[in-house]
């Protein structure tokens, strides 16, 4: 990364793009903020740990770019993006998540996001992604971009089998966690919701997917996740 040089006092400093961050992990926010502030033409203008706070900040201090995690304590991040996009369609939003991009990229774009960054990406890709969306473009990994492009050029939009398209973003998040072998209490703890709420979501998933019982949902979820890992989905 190039080093900054001192500008002459009569030069007008470049306007920095203001980036906001919605993520409930304090250390993650801190690390991303330090990185953004280290870039000469970007700055982190504010942070939020939940959707309610972020929505208030968007209304009072509109950023140029808003980075949004998917797993948040009060709402699913993709549902938040949908709501904000409907009111502020010009606000550039990008998902930043530990969830596999292959599972969520299409949902993120459909919600109104301009890109998807995995939290384990290198800083060079973080910078490239920020610059791409700041200039009006979109950002996805090469592999996922090719996957989505192939689906559209073949004449059919990307769809999911077994009724998964009918699931809400939170339901799909729980379905994917079930496929990773997580139980109700582990999912509840991760999403910071009650086990009872998880059970309600599981029931809705079963109903929408027309499966006979909860065990059938779990089996389907595990097979689906495994097929994605093997590149078959």
Protein backbone atom coordinates (compact mmCIF):
# COMPACT_ATOMS: atom_id res chain seq x y z
CA UNK A 1 0.00 0.00 0.00
CA UNK A 2 1.42 3.41 -0.93
CA UNK A 3 2.51 5.77 1.83
CA UNK A 4 0.90 9.16 2.31
CA UNK A 5 2.89 12.32 1.59
CA UNK A 6 2.28 15.76 3.09
CA UNK A 7 0.41 18.08 0.73
CA UNK A 8 1.33 21.70 0.30
CA UNK A 9 -0.79 23.95 2.49
CA UNK A 10 -2.43 25.68 -0.51
CA UNK A 11 -3.77 22.40 -1.93
CA UNK A 12 -7.38 21.45 -1.31
CA UNK A 13 -7.49 18.04 0.41
CA UNK A 14 -9.46 15.33 -1.42
CA UNK A 15 -12.96 14.69 -0.12
CA UNK A 16 -12.94 11.38 1.71
CA UNK A 17 -15.75 8.89 1.18
CA UNK A 18 -17.62 8.42 4.44
CA UNK A 19 -18.10 4.76 5.37
CA UNK A 20 -20.42 3.55 8.15
CA UNK A 21 -20.32 0.12 9.73
CA UNK A 22 -23.15 -2.05 11.12
CA UNK A 23 -21.73 -5.07 12.96
CA UNK A 24 -22.41 -6.35 16.48
CA UNK A 25 -18.84 -7.57 17.08
CA UNK A 26 -16.87 -4.82 18.81
CA UNK A 27 -13.43 -6.09 17.80
CA UNK A 28 -14.49 -6.56 14.19
CA UNK A 29 -15.84 -3.01 14.03
CA UNK A 30 -12.65 -1.69 15.59
CA UNK A 31 -10.43 -3.49 13.11
CA UNK A 32 -12.44 -2.43 10.07
CA UNK A 33 -12.57 1.17 11.32
CA UNK A 34 -8.79 1.32 11.71
CA UNK A 35 -8.37 -0.11 8.21
CA UNK A 36 -10.85 2.31 6.60
CA UNK A 37 -9.28 5.30 8.35
CA UNK A 38 -5.85 4.20 7.09
CA UNK A 39 -6.95 4.73 3.49
CA UNK A 40 -6.24 8.28 2.26
CA UNK A 41 -9.64 8.80 0.61
CA UNK A 42 -11.97 6.98 3.02
CA UNK A 43 -13.02 7.53 6.62
CA UNK A 44 -15.25 5.66 9.05
CA UNK A 45 -17.93 8.19 10.01
CA UNK A 46 -19.87 6.05 12.52
CA UNK A 47 -20.46 2.53 13.83
CA UNK A 48 -23.56 0.70 15.06
CA UNK A 49 -24.06 -2.65 16.79
CA UNK A 50 -27.73 -3.15 15.90
CA UNK A 51 -30.22 -2.25 13.19
CA UNK A 52 -32.23 0.18 15.32
CA UNK A 53 -29.18 2.33 16.05
CA UNK A 54 -27.98 2.13 12.46
CA UNK A 55 -31.35 3.25 11.11
CA UNK A 56 -31.33 6.28 13.42
CA UNK A 57 -27.80 7.16 12.33
CA UNK A 58 -28.65 6.79 8.64
CA UNK A 59 -31.43 9.33 9.06
CA UNK A 60 -29.27 11.80 11.00
CA UNK A 61 -25.86 11.33 9.37
CA UNK A 62 -26.08 9.76 5.90
CA UNK A 63 -22.85 7.98 4.90
CA UNK A 64 -21.61 7.40 1.36
CA UNK A 65 -21.20 3.66 1.95
CA UNK A 66 -22.77 1.42 4.60
CA UNK A 67 -21.21 -1.96 5.40
CA UNK A 68 -23.76 -4.38 6.90
CA UNK A 69 -23.26 -7.73 8.63
CA UNK A 70 -25.94 -10.42 8.13
CA UNK A 71 -26.15 -11.84 11.65
CA UNK A 72 -27.34 -9.06 13.94
CA UNK A 73 -29.07 -9.15 17.34
CA UNK A 74 -32.33 -7.43 16.44
CA UNK A 75 -32.86 -8.18 12.73
CA UNK A 76 -31.36 -9.99 9.79
CA UNK A 77 -28.96 -7.69 7.95
CA UNK A 78 -30.44 -8.44 4.53
CA UNK A 79 -33.90 -7.47 5.73
CA UNK A 80 -32.39 -4.23 7.08
CA UNK A 81 -30.82 -3.57 3.66
CA UNK A 82 -34.17 -4.09 1.93
CA UNK A 83 -35.89 -1.56 4.19
CA UNK A 84 -33.16 1.08 3.92
CA UNK A 85 -32.87 0.60 0.15
CA UNK A 86 -36.60 1.21 -0.29
CA UNK A 87 -36.27 4.62 1.41
CA UNK A 88 -32.74 5.56 0.32
CA UNK A 89 -32.13 3.81 -3.03
CA UNK A 90 -28.99 5.86 -3.70
CA UNK A 91 -27.21 4.77 -0.51
CA UNK A 92 -24.45 2.32 -1.39
CA UNK A 93 -24.64 -0.72 0.89
CA UNK A 94 -22.38 -3.74 0.94
CA UNK A 95 -22.59 -6.94 2.98
CA UNK A 96 -19.59 -7.84 5.15
CA UNK A 97 -20.07 -11.28 6.68
CA UNK A 98 -18.59 -14.59 7.79
CA UNK A 99 -21.43 -16.38 5.98
CA UNK A 100 -20.36 -18.09 2.77
CA UNK A 101 -20.83 -15.71 -0.15
CA UNK A 102 -22.10 -18.56 -2.35
CA UNK A 103 -25.12 -18.95 -0.05
CA UNK A 104 -26.05 -15.28 0.23
CA UNK A 105 -24.71 -13.26 -2.73
CA UNK A 106 -27.88 -13.43 -4.80
CA UNK A 107 -30.06 -12.60 -1.80
CA UNK A 108 -27.79 -9.64 -0.97
CA UNK A 109 -28.02 -8.21 -4.50
CA UNK A 110 -31.77 -8.79 -4.54
CA UNK A 111 -32.06 -6.89 -1.24
CA UNK A 112 -30.30 -3.86 -2.74
CA UNK A 113 -26.66 -4.37 -1.76
CA UNK A 114 -23.93 -3.43 -4.24
CA UNK A 115 -21.53 -6.12 -3.13
CA UNK A 116 -20.55 -8.88 -0.75
CA UNK A 117 -17.30 -9.08 1.21
CA UNK A 118 -16.26 -12.08 3.29
CA UNK A 119 -14.75 -11.07 6.64
CA UNK A 120 -11.73 -13.29 5.99
CA UNK A 121 -10.74 -11.47 2.80
CA UNK A 122 -7.35 -9.81 2.63
CA UNK A 123 -7.02 -6.06 3.11
CA UNK A 124 -6.09 -5.60 -0.55
CA UNK A 125 -9.47 -7.04 -1.57
CA UNK A 126 -11.28 -4.95 1.07
CA UNK A 127 -9.74 -1.85 -0.46
CA UNK A 128 -10.54 -2.96 -4.01
CA UNK A 129 -14.16 -3.67 -3.03
CA UNK A 130 -14.58 -0.27 -1.37
CA UNK A 131 -13.13 1.54 -4.37
CA UNK A 132 -15.31 -0.45 -6.79
CA UNK A 133 -18.61 0.35 -5.08
CA UNK A 134 -17.52 3.94 -4.32
CA UNK A 135 -17.07 4.48 -8.07
CA UNK A 136 -20.55 3.15 -8.83
CA UNK A 137 -19.71 -0.48 -9.50
CA UNK A 138 -20.58 -3.75 -7.78
CA UNK A 139 -18.34 -6.24 -6.01
CA UNK A 140 -18.53 -10.02 -5.81
CA UNK A 141 -15.79 -12.63 -5.87
CA UNK A 142 -14.87 -13.88 -9.34
CA UNK A 143 -16.28 -17.35 -8.63
CA UNK A 144 -19.68 -16.11 -7.46
CA UNK A 145 -19.89 -13.49 -10.23
CA UNK A 146 -19.37 -16.25 -12.78
CA UNK A 147 -21.96 -18.46 -11.08
CA UNK A 148 -24.64 -15.74 -11.14
CA UNK A 149 -23.77 -14.67 -14.69
CA UNK A 150 -24.08 -18.25 -15.94
CA UNK A 151 -27.50 -18.58 -14.32
CA UNK A 152 -28.79 -15.42 -15.99
CA UNK A 153 -27.26 -16.07 -19.42
CA UNK A 154 -28.75 -19.57 -19.43
CA UNK A 155 -32.16 -17.91 -19.38
CA UNK A 156 -33.11 -18.57 -15.78
CA UNK A 157 -32.52 -16.47 -12.71
CA UNK A 158 -30.63 -18.13 -9.85
CA UNK A 159 -33.11 -20.18 -7.86
CA UNK A 160 -32.89 -22.60 -4.97
CA UNK A 161 -34.40 -26.03 -4.86
CA UNK A 162 -36.93 -27.40 -2.42
CA UNK A 163 -38.78 -24.17 -1.67
CA UNK A 164 -35.77 -22.30 -0.27
CA UNK A 165 -36.69 -19.22 -2.32
CA UNK A 166 -39.81 -18.88 -0.18
CA UNK A 167 -37.80 -18.52 3.03
CA UNK A 168 -37.22 -15.11 4.56
CA UNK A 169 -33.61 -14.03 4.99
CA UNK A 170 -33.68 -14.91 8.70
CA UNK A 171 -35.26 -18.30 7.96
CA UNK A 172 -32.63 -19.02 5.33
CA UNK A 173 -29.91 -18.00 7.79
CA UNK A 174 -31.27 -20.50 10.32
CA UNK A 175 -31.66 -23.18 7.63
CA UNK A 176 -27.99 -22.77 6.69
CA UNK A 177 -26.92 -22.99 10.34
CA UNK A 178 -28.97 -26.18 10.71
CA UNK A 179 -27.11 -27.52 7.70
CA UNK A 180 -23.85 -26.79 9.47
CA UNK A 181 -25.01 -29.09 12.27
CA UNK A 182 -25.99 -26.44 14.82
CA UNK A 183 -28.78 -27.18 17.28
CA UNK A 184 -31.56 -24.89 18.46
CA UNK A 185 -29.71 -23.51 21.49
CA UNK A 186 -26.50 -22.91 19.55
CA UNK A 187 -28.41 -21.07 16.82
CA UNK A 188 -30.28 -19.02 19.44
CA UNK A 189 -27.04 -18.02 21.13
CA UNK A 190 -25.36 -17.10 17.84
CA UNK A 191 -28.29 -14.98 16.64
CA UNK A 192 -29.04 -13.62 20.13
CA UNK A 193 -32.65 -14.70 19.98
CA UNK A 194 -34.59 -17.12 22.18
CA UNK A 195 -34.69 -20.88 21.51
CA UNK A 196 -38.48 -20.50 21.24
CA UNK A 197 -38.01 -18.01 18.40
CA UNK A 198 -35.66 -20.44 16.65
CA UNK A 199 -38.30 -23.15 16.98
CA UNK A 200 -40.92 -20.88 15.41
CA UNK A 201 -38.58 -20.22 12.48
CA UNK A 202 -37.90 -23.94 12.12
CA UNK A 203 -41.64 -24.61 12.00
CA UNK A 204 -42.09 -21.95 9.31
CA UNK A 205 -39.23 -23.47 7.31
CA UNK A 206 -40.83 -26.93 7.52
CA UNK A 207 -44.21 -25.56 6.42
CA UNK A 208 -42.82 -23.59 3.47
CA UNK A 209 -40.69 -26.50 2.31
CA UNK A 210 -43.59 -28.96 2.73
CA UNK A 211 -41.52 -31.43 4.76
CA UNK A 212 -43.09 -33.91 7.14
CA UNK A 213 -41.22 -33.03 10.34
CA UNK A 214 -38.29 -31.20 11.87
CA UNK A 215 -35.93 -34.11 11.33
CA UNK A 216 -36.65 -33.99 7.60
CA UNK A 217 -35.77 -30.27 7.56
CA UNK A 218 -32.47 -30.98 9.31
CA UNK A 219 -31.60 -33.79 6.89
CA UNK A 220 -32.43 -31.60 3.89
CA UNK A 221 -30.39 -28.71 5.32
CA UNK A 222 -27.34 -30.90 5.92
CA UNK A 223 -27.53 -32.40 2.42
CA UNK A 224 -27.94 -28.93 0.88
CA UNK A 225 -24.96 -27.44 2.73
CA UNK A 226 -22.79 -30.45 1.95
CA UNK A 227 -23.70 -30.26 -1.75
CA UNK A 228 -22.67 -26.59 -1.82
CA UNK A 229 -19.34 -27.42 -0.22
CA UNK A 230 -18.78 -30.06 -2.89
CA UNK A 231 -19.67 -27.60 -5.62
CA UNK A 232 -22.85 -29.38 -6.63
CA UNK A 233 -25.35 -26.67 -5.66
